[in-house]
All heavy atoms as atom14 arrays in JSON, in Angstrom:
{
  "sequence": "EYVDQLLATAETLLSDPRHFFRSYSAAEIGRLIA",
  "atom14_mask": [
    [1, 1, 1, 1, 1, 1, 1, 1, 1, 0, 0, 0, 0, 0],
    [1, 1, 1, 1, 1, 1, 1, 1, 1, 1, 1, 1, 0, 0],
    [1, 1, 1, 1, 1, 1, 1, 0, 0, 0, 0, 0, 0, 0],
    [1, 1, 1, 1, 1, 1, 1, 1, 0, 0, 0, 0, 0, 0],
    [1, 1, 1, 1, 1, 1, 1, 1, 1, 0, 0, 0, 0, 0],
    [1, 1, 1, 1, 1, 1, 1, 1, 0, 0, 0, 0, 0, 0],
    [1, 1, 1, 1, 1, 1, 1, 1, 0, 0, 0, 0, 0, 0],
    [1, 1, 1, 1, 1, 0, 0, 0, 0, 0, 0, 0, 0, 0],
    [1, 1, 1, 1, 1, 1, 1, 0, 0, 0, 0, 0, 0, 0],
    [1, 1, 1, 1, 1, 0, 0, 0, 0, 0, 0, 0, 0, 0],
    [1, 1, 1, 1, 1, 1, 1, 1, 1, 0, 0, 0, 0, 0],
    [1, 1, 1, 1, 1, 1, 1, 0, 0, 0, 0, 0, 0, 0],
    [1, 1, 1, 1, 1, 1, 1, 1, 0, 0, 0, 0, 0, 0],
    [1, 1, 1, 1, 1, 1, 1, 1, 0, 0, 0, 0, 0, 0],
    [1, 1, 1, 1, 1, 1, 0, 0, 0, 0, 0, 0, 0, 0],
    [1, 1, 1, 1, 1, 1, 1, 1, 0, 0, 0, 0, 0, 0],
    [1, 1, 1, 1, 1, 1, 1, 0, 0, 0, 0, 0, 0, 0],
    [1, 1, 1, 1, 1, 1, 1, 1, 1, 1, 1, 0, 0, 0],
    [1, 1, 1, 1, 1, 1, 1, 1, 1, 1, 0, 0, 0, 0],
    [1, 1, 1, 1, 1, 1, 1, 1, 1, 1, 1, 0, 0, 0],
    [1, 1, 1, 1, 1, 1, 1, 1, 1, 1, 1, 0, 0, 0],
    [1, 1, 1, 1, 1, 1, 1, 1, 1, 1, 1, 0, 0, 0],
    [1, 1, 1, 1, 1, 1, 0, 0, 0, 0, 0, 0, 0, 0],
    [1, 1, 1, 1, 1, 1, 1, 1, 1, 1, 1, 1, 0, 0],
    [1, 1, 1, 1, 1, 1, 0, 0, 0, 0, 0, 0, 0, 0],
    [1, 1, 1, 1, 1, 0, 0, 0, 0, 0, 0, 0, 0, 0],
    [1, 1, 1, 1, 1, 0, 0, 0, 0, 0, 0, 0, 0, 0],
    [1, 1, 1, 1, 1, 1, 1, 1, 1, 0, 0, 0, 0, 0],
    [1, 1, 1, 1, 1, 1, 1, 1, 0, 0, 0, 0, 0, 0],
    [1, 1, 1, 1, 0, 0, 0, 0, 0, 0, 0, 0, 0, 0],
    [1, 1, 1, 1, 1, 1, 1, 1, 1, 1, 1, 0, 0, 0],
    [1, 1, 1, 1, 1, 1, 1, 1, 0, 0, 0, 0, 0, 0],
    [1, 1, 1, 1, 1, 1, 1, 1, 0, 0, 0, 0, 0, 0],
    [1, 1, 1, 1, 1, 0, 0, 0, 0, 0, 0, 0, 0, 0]
  ],
  "atom14_positions": [
    [[156.92, 208.98, -3.36], [155.71, 208.28, -2.92], [154.98, 207.66, -4.1], [154.5, 206.52, -4.03], [154.78, 209.23, -2.19], [155.3, 209.71, -0.85], [154.5, 210.88, -0.29], [153.73, 211.53, -1.02], [154.66, 211.11, 0.92], [0.0, 0.0, 0.0], [0.0, 0.0, 0.0], [0.0, 0.0, 0.0], [0.0, 0.0, 0.0], [0.0, 0.0, 0.0]],
    [[154.9, 208.41, -5.2], [154.23, 207.92, -6.4], [154.92, 206.66, -6.93], [154.27, 205.65, -7.21], [154.18, 209.0, -7.47], [153.58, 208.52, -8.77], [152.21, 208.34, -8.89], [154.38, 208.23, -9.87], [151.64, 207.89, -10.08], [153.83, 207.77, -11.05], [152.46, 207.6, -11.15], [151.91, 207.15, -12.31], [0.0, 0.0, 0.0], [0.0, 0.0, 0.0]],
    [[156.23, 206.72, -7.04], [156.99, 205.57, -7.56], [156.86, 204.37, -6.63], [156.67, 203.24, -7.09], [158.47, 205.96, -7.8], [159.31, 204.74, -8.14], [158.57, 206.99, -8.91], [0.0, 0.0, 0.0], [0.0, 0.0, 0.0], [0.0, 0.0, 0.0], [0.0, 0.0, 0.0], [0.0, 0.0, 0.0], [0.0, 0.0, 0.0], [0.0, 0.0, 0.0]],
    [[156.94, 204.59, -5.33], [156.77, 203.5, -4.36], [155.4, 202.85, -4.52], [155.28, 201.62, -4.52], [156.93, 204.0, -2.93], [158.38, 204.23, -2.54], [159.28, 203.74, -3.25], [158.61, 204.91, -1.52], [0.0, 0.0, 0.0], [0.0, 0.0, 0.0], [0.0, 0.0, 0.0], [0.0, 0.0, 0.0], [0.0, 0.0, 0.0], [0.0, 0.0, 0.0]],
    [[154.36, 203.65, -4.64], [153.01, 203.12, -4.79], [152.84, 202.4, -6.12], [152.18, 201.36, -6.21], [151.97, 204.22, -4.64], [151.84, 204.74, -3.22], [151.56, 203.64, -2.23], [152.4, 203.32, -1.38], [150.41, 203.03, -2.31], [0.0, 0.0, 0.0], [0.0, 0.0, 0.0], [0.0, 0.0, 0.0], [0.0, 0.0, 0.0], [0.0, 0.0, 0.0]],
    [[153.42, 202.94, -7.17], [153.34, 202.31, -8.49], [154.03, 200.96, -8.47], [153.5, 199.96, -8.98], [153.97, 203.24, -9.53], [153.73, 202.91, -10.99], [152.25, 202.93, -11.32], [154.47, 203.92, -11.86], [0.0, 0.0, 0.0], [0.0, 0.0, 0.0], [0.0, 0.0, 0.0], [0.0, 0.0, 0.0], [0.0, 0.0, 0.0], [0.0, 0.0, 0.0]],
    [[155.21, 200.88, -7.85], [155.93, 199.6, -7.74], [155.16, 198.6, -6.88], [155.1, 197.41, -7.22], [157.32, 199.84, -7.17], [158.31, 200.51, -8.12], [159.6, 200.85, -7.38], [158.59, 199.64, -9.33], [0.0, 0.0, 0.0], [0.0, 0.0, 0.0], [0.0, 0.0, 0.0], [0.0, 0.0, 0.0], [0.0, 0.0, 0.0], [0.0, 0.0, 0.0]],
    [[154.58, 199.05, -5.79], [153.81, 198.16, -4.92], [152.59, 197.62, -5.66], [152.25, 196.43, -5.54], [153.39, 198.88, -3.65], [0.0, 0.0, 0.0], [0.0, 0.0, 0.0], [0.0, 0.0, 0.0], [0.0, 0.0, 0.0], [0.0, 0.0, 0.0], [0.0, 0.0, 0.0], [0.0, 0.0, 0.0], [0.0, 0.0, 0.0], [0.0, 0.0, 0.0]],
    [[151.94, 198.45, -6.45], [150.78, 198.02, -7.23], [151.19, 197.0, -8.28], [150.54, 195.96, -8.45], [150.08, 199.22, -7.87], [149.67, 200.12, -6.84], [148.86, 198.8, -8.68], [0.0, 0.0, 0.0], [0.0, 0.0, 0.0], [0.0, 0.0, 0.0], [0.0, 0.0, 0.0], [0.0, 0.0, 0.0], [0.0, 0.0, 0.0], [0.0, 0.0, 0.0]],
    [[152.28, 197.28, -8.97], [152.78, 196.33, -9.98], [153.15, 195.0, -9.33], [152.85, 193.93, -9.88], [153.98, 196.93, -10.7], [0.0, 0.0, 0.0], [0.0, 0.0, 0.0], [0.0, 0.0, 0.0], [0.0, 0.0, 0.0], [0.0, 0.0, 0.0], [0.0, 0.0, 0.0], [0.0, 0.0, 0.0], [0.0, 0.0, 0.0], [0.0, 0.0, 0.0]],
    [[153.78, 195.06, -8.18], [154.15, 193.85, -7.45], [152.91, 193.04, -7.09], [152.89, 191.81, -7.24], [154.91, 194.24, -6.18], [155.53, 193.09, -5.44], [156.35, 193.6, -4.27], [155.76, 193.84, -3.2], [157.57, 193.74, -4.44], [0.0, 0.0, 0.0], [0.0, 0.0, 0.0], [0.0, 0.0, 0.0], [0.0, 0.0, 0.0], [0.0, 0.0, 0.0]],
    [[151.85, 193.69, -6.66], [150.6, 193.02, -6.32], [149.98, 192.38, -7.56], [149.57, 191.22, -7.53], [149.6, 194.0, -5.69], [150.16, 194.5, -4.48], [148.26, 193.34, -5.41], [0.0, 0.0, 0.0], [0.0, 0.0, 0.0], [0.0, 0.0, 0.0], [0.0, 0.0, 0.0], [0.0, 0.0, 0.0], [0.0, 0.0, 0.0], [0.0, 0.0, 0.0]],
    [[149.92, 193.13, -8.65], [149.29, 192.63, -9.87], [150.06, 191.45, -10.46], [149.47, 190.55, -11.06], [149.15, 193.74, -10.9], [148.21, 194.88, -10.52], [148.21, 195.95, -11.6], [146.8, 194.38, -10.28], [0.0, 0.0, 0.0], [0.0, 0.0, 0.0], [0.0, 0.0, 0.0], [0.0, 0.0, 0.0], [0.0, 0.0, 0.0], [0.0, 0.0, 0.0]],
    [[151.37, 191.44, -10.31], [152.18, 190.36, -10.87], [152.37, 189.2, -9.9], [152.93, 188.16, -10.28], [153.55, 190.91, -11.29], [153.5, 191.92, -12.44], [154.88, 192.55, -12.64], [153.01, 191.26, -13.71], [0.0, 0.0, 0.0], [0.0, 0.0, 0.0], [0.0, 0.0, 0.0], [0.0, 0.0, 0.0], [0.0, 0.0, 0.0], [0.0, 0.0, 0.0]],
    [[151.89, 189.33, -8.68], [152.11, 188.29, -7.67], [151.27, 187.03, -7.89], [151.61, 185.97, -7.39], [151.82, 188.85, -6.27], [150.43, 189.1, -6.12], [0.0, 0.0, 0.0], [0.0, 0.0, 0.0], [0.0, 0.0, 0.0], [0.0, 0.0, 0.0], [0.0, 0.0, 0.0], [0.0, 0.0, 0.0], [0.0, 0.0, 0.0], [0.0, 0.0, 0.0]],
    [[150.19, 187.17, -8.63], [149.29, 186.04, -8.83], [148.56, 186.23, -10.16], [148.08, 187.32, -10.43], [148.28, 186.0, -7.68], [147.45, 184.74, -7.65], [146.93, 184.34, -8.72], [147.31, 184.16, -6.57], [0.0, 0.0, 0.0], [0.0, 0.0, 0.0], [0.0, 0.0, 0.0], [0.0, 0.0, 0.0], [0.0, 0.0, 0.0], [0.0, 0.0, 0.0]],
    [[148.46, 185.18, -10.97], [147.78, 185.32, -12.26], [146.35, 185.85, -12.16], [145.89, 186.56, -13.04], [147.78, 183.89, -12.83], [148.95, 183.24, -12.19], [149.03, 183.85, -10.8], [0.0, 0.0, 0.0], [0.0, 0.0, 0.0], [0.0, 0.0, 0.0], [0.0, 0.0, 0.0], [0.0, 0.0, 0.0], [0.0, 0.0, 0.0], [0.0, 0.0, 0.0]],
    [[145.66, 185.55, -11.07], [144.27, 186.04, -10.94], [144.23, 187.56, -10.87], [143.26, 188.18, -11.28], [143.56, 185.41, -9.77], [144.05, 185.91, -8.45], [143.23, 185.38, -7.31], [143.73, 186.01, -6.11], [143.75, 185.49, -4.94], [143.26, 184.28, -4.77], [144.23, 186.13, -3.92], [0.0, 0.0, 0.0], [0.0, 0.0, 0.0], [0.0, 0.0, 0.0]],
    [[145.28, 188.19, -10.31], [145.35, 189.65, -10.3], [145.76, 190.17, -11.68], [145.22, 191.15, -12.17], [146.39, 190.15, -9.29], [146.08, 189.79, -7.88], [144.92, 190.15, -7.25], [146.8, 189.11, -6.96], [144.93, 189.7, -6.01], [146.07, 189.06, -5.81], [0.0, 0.0, 0.0], [0.0, 0.0, 0.0], [0.0, 0.0, 0.0], [0.0, 0.0, 0.0]],
    [[146.74, 189.51, -12.26], [147.29, 189.97, -13.53], [146.26, 189.94, -14.66], [146.2, 190.85, -15.47], [148.52, 189.12, -13.9], [149.22, 189.61, -15.13], [150.01, 190.74, -15.07], [149.09, 188.95, -16.33], [150.67, 191.2, -16.2], [149.74, 189.4, -17.46], [150.54, 190.53, -17.39], [0.0, 0.0, 0.0], [0.0, 0.0, 0.0], [0.0, 0.0, 0.0]],
    [[145.44, 188.9, -14.71], [144.49, 188.76, -15.81], [143.12, 189.36, -15.53], [142.25, 189.33, -16.38], [144.36, 187.28, -16.19], [145.6, 186.73, -16.84], [146.4, 185.84, -16.17], [145.97, 187.15, -18.09], [147.56, 185.35, -16.75], [147.11, 186.67, -18.69], [147.92, 185.77, -18.01], [0.0, 0.0, 0.0], [0.0, 0.0, 0.0], [0.0, 0.0, 0.0]],
    [[142.93, 189.92, -14.36], [141.64, 190.55, -14.04], [141.53, 191.87, -14.78], [142.51, 192.57, -15.0], [141.56, 190.78, -12.53], [140.27, 191.39, -12.11], [140.21, 191.56, -10.6], [139.14, 192.49, -10.31], [139.09, 193.24, -9.25], [140.03, 193.19, -8.34], [138.09, 194.07, -9.07], [0.0, 0.0, 0.0], [0.0, 0.0, 0.0], [0.0, 0.0, 0.0]],
    [[140.34, 192.24, -15.13], [140.1, 193.51, -15.8], [139.75, 194.56, -14.75], [138.63, 194.61, -14.23], [138.94, 193.36, -16.79], [138.71, 194.59, -17.44], [0.0, 0.0, 0.0], [0.0, 0.0, 0.0], [0.0, 0.0, 0.0], [0.0, 0.0, 0.0], [0.0, 0.0, 0.0], [0.0, 0.0, 0.0], [0.0, 0.0, 0.0], [0.0, 0.0, 0.0]],
    [[140.71, 195.4, -14.4], [140.53, 196.44, -13.39], [139.99, 197.72, -14.01], [140.42, 198.11, -15.1], [141.85, 196.76, -12.69], [142.33, 195.7, -11.74], [143.2, 194.7, -12.17], [141.92, 195.69, -10.41], [143.64, 193.72, -11.3], [142.36, 194.71, -9.53], [143.22, 193.74, -9.99], [143.66, 192.77, -9.12], [0.0, 0.0, 0.0], [0.0, 0.0, 0.0]],
    [[139.08, 198.38, -13.32], [138.59, 199.69, -13.78], [139.62, 200.76, -13.43], [140.51, 200.55, -12.59], [137.26, 200.02, -13.11], [137.46, 200.23, -11.71], [0.0, 0.0, 0.0], [0.0, 0.0, 0.0], [0.0, 0.0, 0.0], [0.0, 0.0, 0.0], [0.0, 0.0, 0.0], [0.0, 0.0, 0.0], [0.0, 0.0, 0.0], [0.0, 0.0, 0.0]],
    [[139.5, 201.9, -14.06], [140.4, 203.02, -13.74], [140.25, 203.43, -12.28], [141.24, 203.75, -11.62], [140.1, 204.21, -14.66], [0.0, 0.0, 0.0], [0.0, 0.0, 0.0], [0.0, 0.0, 0.0], [0.0, 0.0, 0.0], [0.0, 0.0, 0.0], [0.0, 0.0, 0.0], [0.0, 0.0, 0.0], [0.0, 0.0, 0.0], [0.0, 0.0, 0.0]],
    [[139.04, 203.38, -11.76], [138.82, 203.74, -10.35], [139.54, 202.77, -9.42], [140.13, 203.18, -8.42], [137.32, 203.76, -10.04], [0.0, 0.0, 0.0], [0.0, 0.0, 0.0], [0.0, 0.0, 0.0], [0.0, 0.0, 0.0], [0.0, 0.0, 0.0], [0.0, 0.0, 0.0], [0.0, 0.0, 0.0], [0.0, 0.0, 0.0], [0.0, 0.0, 0.0]],
    [[139.51, 201.47, -9.74], [140.16, 200.48, -8.89], [141.68, 200.62, -8.96], [142.37, 200.53, -7.94], [139.73, 199.06, -9.29], [140.3, 197.98, -8.42], [139.83, 198.0, -6.98], [138.91, 198.76, -6.64], [140.4, 197.25, -6.17], [0.0, 0.0, 0.0], [0.0, 0.0, 0.0], [0.0, 0.0, 0.0], [0.0, 0.0, 0.0], [0.0, 0.0, 0.0]],
    [[142.23, 200.85, -10.12], [143.67, 201.08, -10.25], [144.06, 202.32, -9.46], [145.06, 202.33, -8.74], [144.09, 201.22, -11.73], [143.9, 199.9, -12.47], [145.52, 201.71, -11.86], [144.83, 198.78, -12.05], [0.0, 0.0, 0.0], [0.0, 0.0, 0.0], [0.0, 0.0, 0.0], [0.0, 0.0, 0.0], [0.0, 0.0, 0.0], [0.0, 0.0, 0.0]],
    [[143.27, 203.37, -9.57], [143.54, 204.59, -8.81], [143.51, 204.34, -7.31], [144.35, 204.84, -6.57], [0.0, 0.0, 0.0], [0.0, 0.0, 0.0], [0.0, 0.0, 0.0], [0.0, 0.0, 0.0], [0.0, 0.0, 0.0], [0.0, 0.0, 0.0], [0.0, 0.0, 0.0], [0.0, 0.0, 0.0], [0.0, 0.0, 0.0], [0.0, 0.0, 0.0]],
    [[142.56, 203.52, -6.85], [142.47, 203.19, -5.43], [143.69, 202.38, -4.99], [144.27, 202.64, -3.94], [141.2, 202.4, -5.14], [140.96, 202.16, -3.65], [139.89, 201.12, -3.4], [140.28, 199.8, -3.84], [141.13, 198.98, -3.2], [141.73, 199.38, -2.11], [141.4, 197.78, -3.66], [0.0, 0.0, 0.0], [0.0, 0.0, 0.0], [0.0, 0.0, 0.0]],
    [[144.1, 201.43, -5.81], [145.26, 200.6, -5.48], [146.53, 201.44, -5.37], [147.34, 201.24, -4.46], [145.47, 199.51, -6.53], [144.48, 198.36, -6.53], [144.66, 197.51, -7.78], [144.64, 197.53, -5.29], [0.0, 0.0, 0.0], [0.0, 0.0, 0.0], [0.0, 0.0, 0.0], [0.0, 0.0, 0.0], [0.0, 0.0, 0.0], [0.0, 0.0, 0.0]],
    [[146.7, 202.37, -6.28], [147.91, 203.19, -6.27], [147.87, 204.22, -5.15], [148.88, 204.49, -4.51], [148.13, 203.85, -7.64], [148.44, 202.78, -8.7], [149.27, 204.87, -7.58], [148.56, 203.31, -10.11], [0.0, 0.0, 0.0], [0.0, 0.0, 0.0], [0.0, 0.0, 0.0], [0.0, 0.0, 0.0], [0.0, 0.0, 0.0], [0.0, 0.0, 0.0]],
    [[146.71, 204.8, -4.91], [146.61, 205.88, -3.92], [146.59, 205.39, -2.47], [146.87, 206.16, -1.56], [145.37, 206.72, -4.19], [0.0, 0.0, 0.0], [0.0, 0.0, 0.0], [0.0, 0.0, 0.0], [0.0, 0.0, 0.0], [0.0, 0.0, 0.0], [0.0, 0.0, 0.0], [0.0, 0.0, 0.0], [0.0, 0.0, 0.0], [0.0, 0.0, 0.0]]
  ]
}
């Protein structure tokens, strides 16, 4: 489950430059993965 969520988050962040270059907080990254 962890690996699936990590891959899905990476896929989202790399899908569009606006996601990739945004400065995400630790809380937001945690929310995206969880």
